[in-house]
N, C-alpha and C. Protein backbone atom coordinates (compact mmCIF):
# COMPACT_ATOMS: atom_id res chain seq x y z
N MET A 1 20.88 19.33 -6.47
CA MET A 1 21.53 19.41 -5.18
C MET A 1 21.03 18.29 -4.27
N ARG A 2 19.70 18.04 -4.31
CA ARG A 2 19.15 16.97 -3.46
C ARG A 2 19.72 15.62 -3.83
N ARG A 3 19.89 15.37 -5.14
CA ARG A 3 20.45 14.07 -5.55
C ARG A 3 21.92 13.96 -5.15
N ARG A 4 22.66 15.01 -5.40
CA ARG A 4 24.10 14.98 -5.15
C ARG A 4 24.43 14.89 -3.67
N LEU A 5 23.63 15.51 -2.82
CA LEU A 5 23.92 15.56 -1.39
C LEU A 5 22.90 14.78 -0.55
N ALA A 6 22.23 13.82 -1.15
CA ALA A 6 21.16 13.08 -0.46
C ALA A 6 21.61 12.49 0.87
N ALA A 7 22.77 11.87 0.91
CA ALA A 7 23.25 11.24 2.15
C ALA A 7 23.50 12.28 3.24
N GLN A 8 24.10 13.40 2.87
CA GLN A 8 24.39 14.44 3.86
C GLN A 8 23.10 15.10 4.36
N ILE A 9 22.16 15.29 3.47
CA ILE A 9 20.89 15.90 3.86
C ILE A 9 20.16 15.01 4.85
N ALA A 10 20.11 13.71 4.56
CA ALA A 10 19.39 12.77 5.41
C ALA A 10 19.98 12.67 6.81
N THR A 11 21.27 12.93 6.93
CA THR A 11 21.91 12.79 8.25
C THR A 11 22.20 14.14 8.91
N HIS A 12 21.76 15.22 8.30
CA HIS A 12 21.99 16.55 8.87
C HIS A 12 21.32 16.63 10.23
N PRO A 13 21.98 17.20 11.23
CA PRO A 13 21.40 17.26 12.58
C PRO A 13 20.08 18.04 12.66
N LEU A 14 19.85 18.95 11.73
CA LEU A 14 18.61 19.74 11.74
C LEU A 14 17.64 19.29 10.65
N HIS A 15 17.83 18.09 10.17
CA HIS A 15 17.01 17.54 9.08
C HIS A 15 15.52 17.70 9.33
N ARG A 16 15.05 17.25 10.47
CA ARG A 16 13.61 17.33 10.79
C ARG A 16 13.12 18.77 10.90
N GLU A 17 13.92 19.62 11.53
CA GLU A 17 13.53 21.02 11.71
C GLU A 17 13.46 21.75 10.37
N ILE A 18 14.39 21.45 9.47
CA ILE A 18 14.38 22.08 8.15
C ILE A 18 13.13 21.66 7.39
N ILE A 19 12.81 20.38 7.40
CA ILE A 19 11.61 19.89 6.71
C ILE A 19 10.37 20.54 7.31
N ALA A 20 10.30 20.59 8.63
CA ALA A 20 9.13 21.20 9.29
C ALA A 20 8.98 22.67 8.90
N THR A 21 10.08 23.39 8.81
CA THR A 21 10.04 24.80 8.43
C THR A 21 9.56 24.97 7.00
N VAL A 22 10.09 24.16 6.10
CA VAL A 22 9.70 24.25 4.69
C VAL A 22 8.22 23.94 4.52
N VAL A 23 7.75 22.87 5.16
CA VAL A 23 6.34 22.49 5.05
C VAL A 23 5.44 23.56 5.66
N THR A 24 5.82 24.08 6.82
CA THR A 24 5.04 25.13 7.47
C THR A 24 4.92 26.36 6.59
N ASN A 25 6.03 26.78 6.00
CA ASN A 25 6.01 27.94 5.12
C ASN A 25 5.13 27.69 3.91
N GLU A 26 5.22 26.51 3.33
CA GLU A 26 4.40 26.20 2.16
C GLU A 26 2.92 26.20 2.51
N ILE A 27 2.57 25.62 3.64
CA ILE A 27 1.16 25.59 4.05
C ILE A 27 0.64 27.03 4.22
N ALA A 28 1.41 27.86 4.90
CA ALA A 28 0.97 29.24 5.12
C ALA A 28 0.84 30.00 3.80
N ASN A 29 1.74 29.75 2.86
CA ASN A 29 1.73 30.46 1.59
C ASN A 29 0.69 29.92 0.61
N ARG A 30 0.43 28.64 0.64
CA ARG A 30 -0.43 28.02 -0.37
C ARG A 30 -1.85 27.71 0.11
N ALA A 31 -2.01 27.41 1.39
CA ALA A 31 -3.31 26.97 1.89
C ALA A 31 -3.93 27.97 2.86
N ARG A 32 -3.38 29.13 2.93
CA ARG A 32 -3.82 30.21 3.82
C ARG A 32 -3.16 30.05 5.19
N ILE A 33 -2.93 31.16 5.82
CA ILE A 33 -2.15 31.18 7.05
C ILE A 33 -2.88 30.50 8.22
N THR A 34 -4.20 30.46 8.20
CA THR A 34 -4.95 29.86 9.31
C THR A 34 -5.33 28.40 9.04
N PHE A 35 -4.80 27.82 7.98
CA PHE A 35 -5.18 26.47 7.58
C PHE A 35 -5.02 25.45 8.71
N VAL A 36 -3.85 25.39 9.32
CA VAL A 36 -3.61 24.38 10.37
C VAL A 36 -4.54 24.63 11.55
N HIS A 37 -4.64 25.86 11.99
CA HIS A 37 -5.53 26.18 13.12
C HIS A 37 -6.97 25.79 12.80
N ASP A 38 -7.45 26.17 11.62
CA ASP A 38 -8.83 25.87 11.24
C ASP A 38 -9.07 24.37 11.14
N MET A 39 -8.13 23.64 10.55
CA MET A 39 -8.29 22.18 10.42
C MET A 39 -8.27 21.50 11.78
N ARG A 40 -7.42 21.97 12.67
CA ARG A 40 -7.37 21.40 14.02
C ARG A 40 -8.69 21.63 14.74
N ALA A 41 -9.24 22.83 14.61
CA ALA A 41 -10.50 23.16 15.28
C ALA A 41 -11.64 22.34 14.67
N ARG A 42 -11.63 22.16 13.38
CA ARG A 42 -12.72 21.46 12.70
C ARG A 42 -12.66 19.95 12.87
N THR A 43 -11.44 19.39 12.92
CA THR A 43 -11.31 17.93 12.92
C THR A 43 -10.81 17.35 14.24
N GLY A 44 -10.22 18.19 15.09
CA GLY A 44 -9.65 17.69 16.33
C GLY A 44 -8.33 16.98 16.14
N ARG A 45 -7.77 17.04 14.96
CA ARG A 45 -6.49 16.38 14.68
C ARG A 45 -5.32 17.27 15.05
N SER A 46 -4.15 16.66 15.19
CA SER A 46 -2.94 17.40 15.57
C SER A 46 -2.36 18.15 14.37
N ALA A 47 -1.49 19.11 14.67
CA ALA A 47 -0.83 19.87 13.61
C ALA A 47 -0.02 18.97 12.66
N PRO A 48 0.73 17.99 13.17
CA PRO A 48 1.43 17.10 12.24
C PRO A 48 0.48 16.30 11.34
N GLU A 49 -0.66 15.90 11.86
CA GLU A 49 -1.63 15.18 11.03
C GLU A 49 -2.20 16.10 9.95
N VAL A 50 -2.45 17.35 10.31
CA VAL A 50 -2.95 18.32 9.33
C VAL A 50 -1.89 18.54 8.24
N ALA A 51 -0.64 18.66 8.63
CA ALA A 51 0.44 18.85 7.65
C ALA A 51 0.55 17.64 6.73
N GLN A 52 0.40 16.44 7.28
CA GLN A 52 0.43 15.23 6.45
C GLN A 52 -0.72 15.22 5.45
N ALA A 53 -1.89 15.62 5.89
CA ALA A 53 -3.05 15.68 5.00
C ALA A 53 -2.79 16.69 3.88
N TYR A 54 -2.21 17.83 4.22
CA TYR A 54 -1.87 18.84 3.22
C TYR A 54 -0.94 18.25 2.16
N ILE A 55 0.11 17.57 2.60
CA ILE A 55 1.09 17.00 1.67
C ILE A 55 0.43 15.95 0.78
N ILE A 56 -0.43 15.13 1.35
CA ILE A 56 -1.13 14.12 0.54
C ILE A 56 -1.98 14.80 -0.53
N VAL A 57 -2.73 15.81 -0.15
CA VAL A 57 -3.58 16.53 -1.11
C VAL A 57 -2.71 17.17 -2.18
N ARG A 58 -1.62 17.80 -1.79
CA ARG A 58 -0.72 18.43 -2.75
C ARG A 58 -0.22 17.43 -3.79
N GLU A 59 0.14 16.25 -3.33
CA GLU A 59 0.68 15.24 -4.24
C GLU A 59 -0.40 14.59 -5.09
N VAL A 60 -1.53 14.24 -4.49
CA VAL A 60 -2.61 13.57 -5.23
C VAL A 60 -3.13 14.44 -6.36
N PHE A 61 -3.29 15.73 -6.09
CA PHE A 61 -3.82 16.65 -7.10
C PHE A 61 -2.73 17.31 -7.94
N GLU A 62 -1.48 16.91 -7.72
CA GLU A 62 -0.34 17.46 -8.47
C GLU A 62 -0.36 18.99 -8.48
N LEU A 63 -0.52 19.55 -7.29
CA LEU A 63 -0.69 21.00 -7.17
C LEU A 63 0.57 21.79 -7.49
N ARG A 64 1.74 21.20 -7.30
CA ARG A 64 2.97 21.94 -7.64
C ARG A 64 2.96 22.32 -9.11
N ASN A 65 2.57 21.38 -9.97
CA ASN A 65 2.50 21.66 -11.41
C ASN A 65 1.46 22.74 -11.69
N LEU A 66 0.32 22.63 -11.03
CA LEU A 66 -0.75 23.60 -11.25
C LEU A 66 -0.33 25.00 -10.81
N TRP A 67 0.31 25.10 -9.65
CA TRP A 67 0.79 26.40 -9.18
C TRP A 67 1.81 26.99 -10.16
N THR A 68 2.69 26.15 -10.67
CA THR A 68 3.69 26.61 -11.64
C THR A 68 3.02 27.16 -12.89
N GLU A 69 2.00 26.44 -13.37
CA GLU A 69 1.28 26.89 -14.57
C GLU A 69 0.57 28.22 -14.32
N ILE A 70 -0.03 28.36 -13.16
CA ILE A 70 -0.73 29.62 -12.84
C ILE A 70 0.27 30.76 -12.73
N GLU A 71 1.39 30.52 -12.08
CA GLU A 71 2.40 31.57 -11.93
C GLU A 71 3.04 31.93 -13.27
N ALA A 72 3.04 31.02 -14.22
CA ALA A 72 3.57 31.30 -15.56
C ALA A 72 2.66 32.27 -16.33
N LEU A 73 1.47 32.50 -15.83
CA LEU A 73 0.53 33.42 -16.48
C LEU A 73 0.79 34.88 -16.11
N ASP A 74 1.81 35.13 -15.30
CA ASP A 74 2.14 36.52 -14.94
C ASP A 74 2.30 37.34 -16.21
N ASN A 75 1.66 38.50 -16.24
CA ASN A 75 1.68 39.43 -17.37
C ASN A 75 1.03 38.87 -18.64
N LYS A 76 0.34 37.73 -18.52
CA LYS A 76 -0.39 37.15 -19.65
C LYS A 76 -1.88 37.10 -19.36
N ALA A 77 -2.20 36.93 -18.10
CA ALA A 77 -3.60 36.89 -17.65
C ALA A 77 -3.75 37.94 -16.56
N PRO A 78 -4.95 38.46 -16.38
CA PRO A 78 -5.15 39.45 -15.31
C PRO A 78 -4.79 38.86 -13.94
N ALA A 79 -4.16 39.67 -13.12
CA ALA A 79 -3.76 39.23 -11.78
C ALA A 79 -4.95 38.71 -10.99
N GLN A 80 -6.11 39.36 -11.14
CA GLN A 80 -7.30 38.94 -10.41
C GLN A 80 -7.70 37.52 -10.78
N VAL A 81 -7.54 37.15 -12.03
CA VAL A 81 -7.86 35.79 -12.47
C VAL A 81 -6.90 34.79 -11.81
N GLN A 82 -5.63 35.13 -11.78
CA GLN A 82 -4.65 34.27 -11.13
C GLN A 82 -4.97 34.11 -9.64
N ILE A 83 -5.30 35.21 -9.00
CA ILE A 83 -5.64 35.17 -7.57
C ILE A 83 -6.84 34.26 -7.34
N GLU A 84 -7.85 34.40 -8.17
CA GLU A 84 -9.05 33.56 -8.04
C GLU A 84 -8.71 32.08 -8.22
N MET A 85 -7.84 31.77 -9.17
CA MET A 85 -7.44 30.38 -9.37
C MET A 85 -6.71 29.84 -8.14
N LEU A 86 -5.80 30.65 -7.60
CA LEU A 86 -5.06 30.21 -6.41
C LEU A 86 -5.98 30.03 -5.20
N LEU A 87 -6.97 30.91 -5.08
CA LEU A 87 -7.93 30.77 -3.98
C LEU A 87 -8.81 29.53 -4.15
N GLU A 88 -9.16 29.21 -5.38
CA GLU A 88 -9.93 27.98 -5.65
C GLU A 88 -9.12 26.75 -5.25
N ILE A 89 -7.83 26.78 -5.53
CA ILE A 89 -6.97 25.66 -5.13
C ILE A 89 -6.89 25.57 -3.61
N ALA A 90 -6.78 26.71 -2.94
CA ALA A 90 -6.75 26.71 -1.47
C ALA A 90 -8.04 26.12 -0.92
N ASP A 91 -9.17 26.42 -1.54
CA ASP A 91 -10.45 25.83 -1.12
C ASP A 91 -10.44 24.31 -1.33
N LEU A 92 -9.90 23.89 -2.46
CA LEU A 92 -9.79 22.44 -2.72
C LEU A 92 -8.94 21.77 -1.67
N VAL A 93 -7.81 22.37 -1.34
CA VAL A 93 -6.92 21.82 -0.32
C VAL A 93 -7.67 21.67 1.00
N GLU A 94 -8.40 22.70 1.37
CA GLU A 94 -9.13 22.66 2.64
C GLU A 94 -10.19 21.55 2.65
N ARG A 95 -10.96 21.46 1.57
CA ARG A 95 -12.00 20.43 1.52
C ARG A 95 -11.41 19.02 1.50
N ALA A 96 -10.40 18.80 0.67
CA ALA A 96 -9.80 17.47 0.55
C ALA A 96 -9.07 17.07 1.83
N ALA A 97 -8.33 18.00 2.42
CA ALA A 97 -7.62 17.69 3.68
C ALA A 97 -8.61 17.41 4.79
N GLY A 98 -9.68 18.19 4.84
CA GLY A 98 -10.73 17.94 5.84
C GLY A 98 -11.34 16.57 5.69
N TRP A 99 -11.56 16.17 4.45
CA TRP A 99 -12.11 14.83 4.20
C TRP A 99 -11.13 13.76 4.65
N LEU A 100 -9.85 13.93 4.33
CA LEU A 100 -8.84 12.95 4.75
C LEU A 100 -8.75 12.86 6.27
N LEU A 101 -8.81 14.00 6.92
CA LEU A 101 -8.66 14.00 8.38
C LEU A 101 -9.91 13.44 9.05
């Protein structure tokens, strides 16, 4: 869909707001709900800078692939093990983003 409608997506009047919503939801779901607040308090950086650091960390560490692999373990590995792996990744995100900021 993104390839087929790339021109329309780029010129959509709510383009920026949609991206901001998607990134905000991902940060809350993947890096803990207080991530932006905590990073701002710790580093003094703005919310957009914190979001940029999150995206950089996500891409550098190829976290989308890792999350997919962990989620593929549903009903194959204990839920507690999956939760611990996801929390370890959230810790990595926090440390790496803090370093970047």
